PDB file of N, CA and C in Angstrom:
ATOM      1  N   UNK A   1      -4.521  21.781 -17.889  1.00  0.00           N
ATOM      2  CA  UNK A   1      -3.514  21.859 -18.922  1.00  0.00           C
ATOM      3  C   UNK A   1      -3.205  23.329 -19.173  1.00  0.00           C
ATOM      4  N   UNK A   2      -1.947  23.634 -19.299  1.00  0.00           N
ATOM      5  CA  UNK A   2      -1.505  24.982 -19.654  1.00  0.00           C
ATOM      6  C   UNK A   2      -0.614  24.889 -20.883  1.00  0.00           C
ATOM      7  N   UNK A   3      -0.776  25.833 -21.800  1.00  0.00           N
ATOM      8  CA  UNK A   3      -0.022  25.844 -23.050  1.00  0.00           C
ATOM      9  C   UNK A   3       0.429  27.268 -23.345  1.00  0.00           C
ATOM     10  N   UNK A   4       1.649  27.400 -23.863  1.00  0.00           N
ATOM     11  CA  UNK A   4       2.163  28.688 -24.345  1.00  0.00           C
ATOM     12  C   UNK A   4       2.732  28.461 -25.740  1.00  0.00           C
ATOM     13  N   UNK A   5       2.739  29.522 -26.538  1.00  0.00           N
ATOM     14  CA  UNK A   5       3.198  29.382 -27.922  1.00  0.00           C
ATOM     15  C   UNK A   5       3.894  30.654 -28.387  1.00  0.00           C
ATOM     16  N   UNK A   6       4.902  30.480 -29.208  1.00  0.00           N
ATOM     17  CA  UNK A   6       5.477  31.603 -29.947  1.00  0.00           C
ATOM     18  C   UNK A   6       5.464  31.228 -31.427  1.00  0.00           C
ATOM     19  N   UNK A   7       6.259  31.907 -32.256  1.00  0.00           N
ATOM     20  CA  UNK A   7       6.238  31.645 -33.697  1.00  0.00           C
ATOM     21  C   UNK A   7       6.800  30.279 -34.084  1.00  0.00           C
ATOM     22  N   UNK A   8       7.607  29.652 -33.212  1.00  0.00           N
ATOM     23  CA  UNK A   8       8.285  28.409 -33.566  1.00  0.00           C
ATOM     24  C   UNK A   8       7.930  27.207 -32.689  1.00  0.00           C
ATOM     25  N   UNK A   9       7.442  27.466 -31.473  1.00  0.00           N
ATOM     26  CA  UNK A   9       7.355  26.397 -30.485  1.00  0.00           C
ATOM     27  C   UNK A   9       6.058  26.476 -29.684  1.00  0.00           C
ATOM     28  N   UNK A  10       5.542  25.299 -29.298  1.00  0.00           N
ATOM     29  CA  UNK A  10       4.424  25.201 -28.358  1.00  0.00           C
ATOM     30  C   UNK A  10       4.940  24.440 -27.144  1.00  0.00           C
ATOM     31  N   UNK A  11       4.650  24.936 -25.956  1.00  0.00           N
ATOM     32  CA  UNK A  11       5.058  24.296 -24.708  1.00  0.00           C
ATOM     33  C   UNK A  11       3.793  23.955 -23.936  1.00  0.00           C
ATOM     34  N   UNK A  12       3.727  22.732 -23.384  1.00  0.00           N
ATOM     35  CA  UNK A  12       2.544  22.332 -22.635  1.00  0.00           C
ATOM     36  C   UNK A  12       2.882  21.571 -21.368  1.00  0.00           C
ATOM     37  N   UNK A  13       2.034  21.746 -20.350  1.00  0.00           N
ATOM     38  CA  UNK A  13       2.130  21.009 -19.091  1.00  0.00           C
ATOM     39  C   UNK A  13       0.731  20.477 -18.796  1.00  0.00           C
ATOM     40  N   UNK A  14       0.660  19.210 -18.392  1.00  0.00           N
ATOM     41  CA  UNK A  14      -0.622  18.555 -18.158  1.00  0.00           C
ATOM     42  C   UNK A  14      -0.730  18.081 -16.715  1.00  0.00           C
ATOM     43  N   UNK A  15      -1.952  18.045 -16.187  1.00  0.00           N
ATOM     44  CA  UNK A  15      -2.175  17.628 -14.808  1.00  0.00           C
ATOM     45  C   UNK A  15      -1.617  16.239 -14.520  1.00  0.00           C
ATOM     46  N   UNK A  16      -1.796  15.315 -15.441  1.00  0.00           N
ATOM     47  CA  UNK A  16      -1.456  13.916 -15.189  1.00  0.00           C
ATOM     48  C   UNK A  16      -0.011  13.569 -15.511  1.00  0.00           C
ATOM     49  N   UNK A  17       0.833  14.547 -15.705  1.00  0.00           N
ATOM     50  CA  UNK A  17       2.215  14.267 -16.083  1.00  0.00           C
ATOM     51  C   UNK A  17       3.168  15.179 -15.326  1.00  0.00           C
ATOM     52  N   UNK A  18       4.327  14.653 -14.999  1.00  0.00           N
ATOM     53  CA  UNK A  18       5.388  15.457 -14.388  1.00  0.00           C
ATOM     54  C   UNK A  18       6.426  15.858 -15.427  1.00  0.00           C
ATOM     55  N   UNK A  19       5.956  16.086 -16.639  1.00  0.00           N
ATOM     56  CA  UNK A  19       6.828  16.466 -17.743  1.00  0.00           C
ATOM     57  C   UNK A  19       6.362  17.787 -18.345  1.00  0.00           C
ATOM     58  N   UNK A  20       7.301  18.502 -18.951  1.00  0.00           N
ATOM     59  CA  UNK A  20       7.002  19.656 -19.795  1.00  0.00           C
ATOM     60  C   UNK A  20       7.236  19.187 -21.225  1.00  0.00           C
ATOM     61  N   UNK A  21       6.288  19.441 -22.105  1.00  0.00           N
ATOM     62  CA  UNK A  21       6.382  19.000 -23.497  1.00  0.00           C
ATOM     63  C   UNK A  21       6.583  20.205 -24.403  1.00  0.00           C
ATOM     64  N   UNK A  22       7.492  20.056 -25.397  1.00  0.00           N
ATOM     65  CA  UNK A  22       7.771  21.115 -26.370  1.00  0.00           C
ATOM     66  C   UNK A  22       7.575  20.565 -27.768  1.00  0.00           C
ATOM     67  N   UNK A  23       6.726  21.216 -28.518  1.00  0.00           N
ATOM     68  CA  UNK A  23       6.509  20.877 -29.918  1.00  0.00           C
ATOM     69  C   UNK A  23       7.148  21.974 -30.752  1.00  0.00           C
ATOM     70  N   UNK A  24       8.121  21.611 -31.577  1.00  0.00           N
ATOM     71  CA  UNK A  24       8.699  22.570 -32.517  1.00  0.00           C
ATOM     72  C   UNK A  24       7.844  22.504 -33.776  1.00  0.00           C
ATOM     73  N   UNK A  25       7.289  23.618 -34.178  1.00  0.00           N
ATOM     74  CA  UNK A  25       6.331  23.633 -35.280  1.00  0.00           C
ATOM     75  C   UNK A  25       6.926  23.160 -36.600  1.00  0.00           C
ATOM     76  N   UNK A  26       8.241  23.202 -36.747  1.00  0.00           N
ATOM     77  CA  UNK A  26       8.874  22.760 -37.991  1.00  0.00           C
ATOM     78  C   UNK A  26       9.297  21.292 -37.944  1.00  0.00           C
ATOM     79  N   UNK A  27       8.976  20.588 -36.851  1.00  0.00           N
ATOM     80  CA  UNK A  27       9.417  19.201 -36.695  1.00  0.00           C
ATOM     81  C   UNK A  27       8.260  18.332 -36.217  1.00  0.00           C
ATOM     82  N   UNK A  28       8.192  17.081 -36.658  1.00  0.00           N
ATOM     83  CA  UNK A  28       7.125  16.185 -36.199  1.00  0.00           C
ATOM     84  C   UNK A  28       7.392  15.607 -34.800  1.00  0.00           C
ATOM     85  N   UNK A  29       8.599  15.809 -34.260  1.00  0.00           N
ATOM     86  CA  UNK A  29       8.923  15.211 -32.965  1.00  0.00           C
ATOM     87  C   UNK A  29       8.520  16.132 -31.812  1.00  0.00           C
ATOM     88  N   UNK A  30       8.365  15.508 -30.641  1.00  0.00           N
ATOM     89  CA  UNK A  30       8.023  16.230 -29.421  1.00  0.00           C
ATOM     90  C   UNK A  30       9.122  15.984 -28.402  1.00  0.00           C
ATOM     91  N   UNK A  31       9.626  17.043 -27.788  1.00  0.00           N
ATOM     92  CA  UNK A  31      10.611  16.922 -26.727  1.00  0.00           C
ATOM     93  C   UNK A  31       9.875  16.908 -25.396  1.00  0.00           C
ATOM     94  N   UNK A  32      10.382  16.158 -24.436  1.00  0.00           N
ATOM     95  CA  UNK A  32       9.813  16.197 -23.094  1.00  0.00           C
ATOM     96  C   UNK A  32      10.939  16.306 -22.085  1.00  0.00           C
ATOM     97  N   UNK A  33      10.677  17.044 -21.031  1.00  0.00           N
ATOM     98  CA  UNK A  33      11.656  17.270 -19.978  1.00  0.00           C
ATOM     99  C   UNK A  33      10.951  17.076 -18.647  1.00  0.00           C
ATOM    100  N   UNK A  34      11.558  16.302 -17.749  1.00  0.00           N
ATOM    101  CA  UNK A  34      10.966  16.099 -16.427  1.00  0.00           C
ATOM    102  C   UNK A  34      11.008  17.402 -15.639  1.00  0.00           C
ATOM    103  N   UNK A  35       9.911  17.677 -14.934  1.00  0.00           N
ATOM    104  CA  UNK A  35       9.894  18.839 -14.057  1.00  0.00           C
ATOM    105  C   UNK A  35      10.913  18.629 -12.945  1.00  0.00           C
ATOM    106  N   UNK A  36      11.591  19.695 -12.555  1.00  0.00           N
ATOM    107  CA  UNK A  36      12.651  19.592 -11.557  1.00  0.00           C
ATOM    108  C   UNK A  36      12.089  19.264 -10.184  1.00  0.00           C
ATOM    109  N   UNK A  37      10.971  19.860  -9.833  1.00  0.00           N
ATOM    110  CA  UNK A  37      10.401  19.664  -8.503  1.00  0.00           C
ATOM    111  C   UNK A  37       9.913  18.228  -8.339  1.00  0.00           C
ATOM    112  N   UNK A  38      10.220  17.604  -7.213  1.00  0.00           N
ATOM    113  CA  UNK A  38       9.826  16.212  -6.985  1.00  0.00           C
ATOM    114  C   UNK A  38       8.629  16.103  -6.045  1.00  0.00           C
ATOM    115  N   UNK A  39       8.141  17.200  -5.527  1.00  0.00           N
ATOM    116  CA  UNK A  39       7.017  17.148  -4.595  1.00  0.00           C
ATOM    117  C   UNK A  39       5.673  17.303  -5.289  1.00  0.00           C
ATOM    118  N   UNK A  40       5.672  17.531  -6.577  1.00  0.00           N
ATOM    119  CA  UNK A  40       4.409  17.706  -7.294  1.00  0.00           C
ATOM    120  C   UNK A  40       3.672  16.377  -7.385  1.00  0.00           C
ATOM    121  N   UNK A  41       2.391  16.396  -7.087  1.00  0.00           N
ATOM    122  CA  UNK A  41       1.562  15.202  -7.158  1.00  0.00           C
ATOM    123  C   UNK A  41       0.673  15.302  -8.380  1.00  0.00           C
ATOM    124  N   UNK A  42       1.024  14.611  -9.442  1.00  0.00           N
ATOM    125  CA  UNK A  42       0.219  14.632 -10.652  1.00  0.00           C
ATOM    126  C   UNK A  42      -1.097  13.887 -10.464  1.00  0.00           C
ATOM    127  N   UNK A  43      -2.090  14.231 -11.256  1.00  0.00           N
ATOM    128  CA  UNK A  43      -3.392  13.567 -11.186  1.00  0.00           C
ATOM    129  C   UNK A  43      -3.267  12.138 -11.702  1.00  0.00           C
ATOM    130  N   UNK A  44      -3.808  11.192 -10.963  1.00  0.00           N
ATOM    131  CA  UNK A  44      -3.802   9.806 -11.414  1.00  0.00           C
ATOM    132  C   UNK A  44      -4.858   9.634 -12.503  1.00  0.00           C
ATOM    133  N   UNK A  45      -4.543   8.831 -13.498  1.00  0.00           N
ATOM    134  CA  UNK A  45      -5.459   8.641 -14.634  1.00  0.00           C
ATOM    135  C   UNK A  45      -6.814   8.119 -14.178  1.00  0.00           C
ATOM    136  N   UNK A  46      -6.849   7.216 -13.192  1.00  0.00           N
ATOM    137  CA  UNK A  46      -8.131   6.667 -12.750  1.00  0.00           C
ATOM    138  C   UNK A  46      -9.017   7.733 -12.094  1.00  0.00           C
ATOM    139  N   UNK A  47      -8.400   8.717 -11.429  1.00  0.00           N
ATOM    140  CA  UNK A  47      -9.183   9.803 -10.837  1.00  0.00           C
ATOM    141  C   UNK A  47      -9.801  10.655 -11.938  1.00  0.00           C
ATOM    142  N   UNK A  48      -9.023  10.956 -12.971  1.00  0.00           N
ATOM    143  CA  UNK A  48      -9.544  11.774 -14.057  1.00  0.00           C
ATOM    144  C   UNK A  48     -10.670  11.058 -14.799  1.00  0.00           C
ATOM    145  N   UNK A  49     -10.556   9.737 -14.963  1.00  0.00           N
ATOM    146  CA  UNK A  49     -11.629   8.980 -15.609  1.00  0.00           C
ATOM    147  C   UNK A  49     -12.893   8.980 -14.744  1.00  0.00           C
ATOM    148  N   UNK A  50     -12.725   8.883 -13.442  1.00  0.00           N
ATOM    149  CA  UNK A  50     -13.881   8.908 -12.543  1.00  0.00           C
ATOM    150  C   UNK A  50     -14.590  10.267 -12.608  1.00  0.00           C
ATOM    151  N   UNK A  51     -13.829  11.341 -12.732  1.00  0.00           N
ATOM    152  CA  UNK A  51     -14.434  12.674 -12.855  1.00  0.00           C
ATOM    153  C   UNK A  51     -15.263  12.789 -14.126  1.00  0.00           C
ATOM    154  N   UNK A  52     -14.826  12.117 -15.191  1.00  0.00           N
ATOM    155  CA  UNK A  52     -15.624  12.113 -16.422  1.00  0.00           C
ATOM    156  C   UNK A  52     -16.939  11.362 -16.213  1.00  0.00           C
ATOM    157  N   UNK A  53     -16.869  10.266 -15.449  1.00  0.00           N
ATOM    158  CA  UNK A  53     -18.080   9.483 -15.187  1.00  0.00           C
ATOM    159  C   UNK A  53     -19.030  10.183 -14.229  1.00  0.00           C
ATOM    160  N   UNK A  54     -18.475  10.862 -13.204  1.00  0.00           N
ATOM    161  CA  UNK A  54     -19.301  11.491 -12.171  1.00  0.00           C
ATOM    162  C   UNK A  54     -18.754  12.879 -11.855  1.00  0.00           C
ATOM    163  N   UNK A  55     -19.125  13.898 -12.658  1.00  0.00           N
ATOM    164  CA  UNK A  55     -18.597  15.256 -12.452  1.00  0.00           C
ATOM    165  C   UNK A  55     -18.943  15.849 -11.089  1.00  0.00           C
ATOM    166  N   UNK A  56     -19.929  15.313 -10.389  1.00  0.00           N
ATOM    167  CA  UNK A  56     -20.283  15.867  -9.078  1.00  0.00           C
ATOM    168  C   UNK A  56     -19.164  15.659  -8.058  1.00  0.00           C
ATOM    169  N   UNK A  57     -18.227  14.743  -8.341  1.00  0.00           N
ATOM    170  CA  UNK A  57     -17.105  14.489  -7.446  1.00  0.00           C
ATOM    171  C   UNK A  57     -15.949  15.475  -7.649  1.00  0.00           C
ATOM    172  N   UNK A  58     -16.069  16.340  -8.627  1.00  0.00           N
ATOM    173  CA  UNK A  58     -14.960  17.236  -8.978  1.00  0.00           C
ATOM    174  C   UNK A  58     -14.486  18.114  -7.825  1.00  0.00           C
ATOM    175  N   UNK A  59     -15.376  18.757  -7.053  1.00  0.00           N
ATOM    176  CA  UNK A  59     -14.862  19.622  -5.986  1.00  0.00           C
ATOM    177  C   UNK A  59     -13.977  18.891  -4.983  1.00  0.00           C
ATOM    178  N   UNK A  60     -14.347  17.696  -4.573  1.00  0.00           N
ATOM    179  CA  UNK A  60     -13.540  16.955  -3.602  1.00  0.00           C
ATOM    180  C   UNK A  60     -12.278  16.384  -4.229  1.00  0.00           C
ATOM    181  N   UNK A  61     -12.372  15.892  -5.452  1.00  0.00           N
ATOM    182  CA  UNK A  61     -11.232  15.239  -6.093  1.00  0.00           C
ATOM    183  C   UNK A  61     -10.220  16.214  -6.653  1.00  0.00           C
ATOM    184  N   UNK A  62     -10.656  17.378  -7.045  1.00  0.00           N
ATOM    185  CA  UNK A  62      -9.755  18.329  -7.710  1.00  0.00           C
ATOM    186  C   UNK A  62      -8.627  18.793  -6.805  1.00  0.00           C
ATOM    187  N   UNK A  63      -8.813  18.733  -5.496  1.00  0.00           N
ATOM    188  CA  UNK A  63      -7.789  19.239  -4.592  1.00  0.00           C
ATOM    189  C   UNK A  63      -6.937  18.128  -3.993  1.00  0.00           C
ATOM    190  N   UNK A  64      -6.806  17.006  -4.698  1.00  0.00           N
ATOM    191  CA  UNK A  64      -5.931  15.931  -4.251  1.00  0.00           C
ATOM    192  C   UNK A  64      -4.652  15.861  -5.071  1.00  0.00           C
ATOM    193  N   UNK A  65      -4.470  16.749  -6.029  1.00  0.00           N
ATOM    194  CA  UNK A  65      -3.242  16.743  -6.818  1.00  0.00           C
ATOM    195  C   UNK A  65      -2.813  18.175  -7.140  1.00  0.00           C
ATOM    196  N   UNK A  66      -1.563  18.292  -7.539  1.00  0.00           N
ATOM    197  CA  UNK A  66      -1.031  19.571  -8.004  1.00  0.00           C
ATOM    198  C   UNK A  66      -1.469  19.770  -9.445  1.00  0.00           C
ATOM    199  N   UNK A  67      -1.696  21.014  -9.817  1.00  0.00           N
ATOM    200  CA  UNK A  67      -2.068  21.246 -11.208  1.00  0.00           C
ATOM    201  C   UNK A  67      -1.363  22.491 -11.743  1.00  0.00           C
ATOM    202  N   UNK A  68      -1.102  22.511 -13.045  1.00  0.00           N
ATOM    203  CA  UNK A  68      -0.371  23.634 -13.635  1.00  0.00           C
ATOM    204  C   UNK A  68      -1.216  24.898 -13.656  1.00  0.00           C
ATOM    205  N   UNK A  69      -0.597  26.005 -13.318  1.00  0.00           N
ATOM    206  CA  UNK A  69      -1.254  27.307 -13.345  1.00  0.00           C
ATOM    207  C   UNK A  69      -0.741  28.175 -14.488  1.00  0.00           C
ATOM    208  N   UNK A  70       0.529  27.991 -14.850  1.00  0.00           N
ATOM    209  CA  UNK A  70       1.137  28.843 -15.864  1.00  0.00           C
ATOM    210  C   UNK A  70       2.337  28.132 -16.467  1.00  0.00           C
ATOM    211  N   UNK A  71       2.506  28.253 -17.762  1.00  0.00           N
ATOM    212  CA  UNK A  71       3.701  27.767 -18.441  1.00  0.00           C
ATOM    213  C   UNK A  71       4.122  28.856 -19.416  1.00  0.00           C
ATOM    214  N   UNK A  72       5.417  28.993 -19.587  1.00  0.00           N
ATOM    215  CA  UNK A  72       5.895  30.028 -20.489  1.00  0.00           C
ATOM    216  C   UNK A  72       7.257  29.684 -21.051  1.00  0.00           C
ATOM    217  N   UNK A  73       7.641  30.409 -22.058  1.00  0.00           N
ATOM    218  CA  UNK A  73       8.938  30.220 -22.683  1.00  0.00           C
ATOM    219  C   UNK A  73       9.861  31.344 -22.260  1.00  0.00           C
ATOM    220  N   UNK A  74      11.076  30.964 -21.890  1.00  0.00           N
ATOM    221  CA  UNK A  74      12.102  31.926 -21.515  1.00  0.00           C
ATOM    222  C   UNK A  74      13.052  32.082 -22.691  1.00  0.00           C
ATOM    223  N   UNK A  75      14.146  32.760 -22.482  1.00  0.00           N
ATOM    224  CA  UNK A  75      15.117  32.968 -23.556  1.00  0.00           C
ATOM    225  C   UNK A  75      15.699  31.643 -24.025  1.00  0.00           C
ATOM    226  N   UNK A  76      15.974  31.549 -25.296  1.00  0.00           N
ATOM    227  CA  UNK A  76      16.566  30.345 -25.859  1.00  0.00           C
ATOM    228  C   UNK A  76      15.593  29.182 -25.847  1.00  0.00           C
ATOM    229  N   UNK A  77      16.065  28.025 -25.438  1.00  0.00           N
ATOM    230  CA  UNK A  77      15.246  26.810 -25.410  1.00  0.00           C
ATOM    231  C   UNK A  77      14.691  26.514 -24.019  1.00  0.00           C
ATOM    232  N   UNK A  78      14.726  27.476 -23.124  1.00  0.00           N
ATOM    233  CA  UNK A  78      14.263  27.236 -21.758  1.00  0.00           C
ATOM    234  C   UNK A  78      12.779  27.550 -21.610  1.00  0.00           C
ATOM    235  N   UNK A  79      12.121  26.769 -20.733  1.00  0.00           N
ATOM    236  CA  UNK A  79      10.710  26.969 -20.412  1.00  0.00           C
ATOM    237  C   UNK A  79      10.558  26.997 -18.905  1.00  0.00           C
ATOM    238  N   UNK A  80       9.442  27.515 -18.430  1.00  0.00           N
ATOM    239  CA  UNK A  80       9.150  27.539 -16.999  1.00  0.00           C
ATOM    240  C   UNK A  80       7.703  27.128 -16.789  1.00  0.00           C
ATOM    241  N   UNK A  81       7.455  26.408 -15.693  1.00  0.00           N
ATOM    242  CA  UNK A  81       6.103  26.002 -15.345  1.00  0.00           C
ATOM    243  C   UNK A  81       5.857  26.299 -13.882  1.00  0.00           C
ATOM    244  N   UNK A  82       4.685  26.819 -13.584  1.00  0.00           N
ATOM    245  CA  UNK A  82       4.277  27.078 -12.204  1.00  0.00           C
ATOM    246  C   UNK A  82       3.085  26.181 -11.912  1.00  0.00           C
ATOM    247  N   UNK A  83       3.178  25.391 -10.849  1.00  0.00           N
ATOM    248  CA  UNK A  83       2.082  24.522 -10.461  1.00  0.00           C
ATOM    249  C   UNK A  83       1.554  24.936  -9.095  1.00  0.00           C
ATOM    250  N   UNK A  84       0.312  24.601  -8.840  1.00  0.00           N
ATOM    251  CA  UNK A  84      -0.356  24.925  -7.578  1.00  0.00           C
ATOM    252  C   UNK A  84      -0.674  23.626  -6.851  1.00  0.00           C
ATOM    253  N   UNK A  85      -0.285  23.550  -5.585  1.00  0.00           N
ATOM    254  CA  UNK A  85      -0.576  22.379  -4.776  1.00  0.00           C
ATOM    255  C   UNK A  85      -1.364  22.825  -3.561  1.00  0.00           C
ATOM    256  N   UNK A  86      -2.675  22.596  -3.554  1.00  0.00           N
ATOM    257  CA  UNK A  86      -3.512  23.094  -2.459  1.00  0.00           C
ATOM    258  C   UNK A  86      -3.269  22.417  -1.128  1.00  0.00           C
ATOM    259  N   UNK A  87      -2.488  21.330  -1.079  1.00  0.00           N
ATOM    260  CA  UNK A  87      -2.212  20.650   0.179  1.00  0.00           C
ATOM    261  C   UNK A  87      -1.066  21.307   0.957  1.00  0.00           C
ATOM    262  N   UNK A  88      -0.277  22.129   0.299  1.00  0.00           N
ATOM    263  CA  UNK A  88       0.829  22.794   0.982  1.00  0.00           C
ATOM    264  C   UNK A  88       0.294  23.985   1.759  1.00  0.00           C
ATOM    265  N   UNK A  89       0.818  24.215   2.958  1.00  0.00           N
ATOM    266  CA  UNK A  89       0.404  25.367   3.777  1.00  0.00           C
ATOM    267  C   UNK A  89       1.199  26.587   3.351  1.00  0.00           C
TER     268      UNK A  89
END
């Protein structure tokens, strides 16, 4: 999970989702926007649950999905997310 924040907004990206989430601190609602890239492989929920049950599987399982490395806020209402996919050459 990666999170960035300024005085008004929190932006987050999670391994198991292909969405960017924005929380405006003055509002109870959450905005979500689909990531533009379609090749990202999010972590399946069952894999993440298995890692909780058996952490020794983490090294092998961790490299089967893309995961967020950085998220940030750009000018205005725009955000950017960088993900890492270890399967790409």
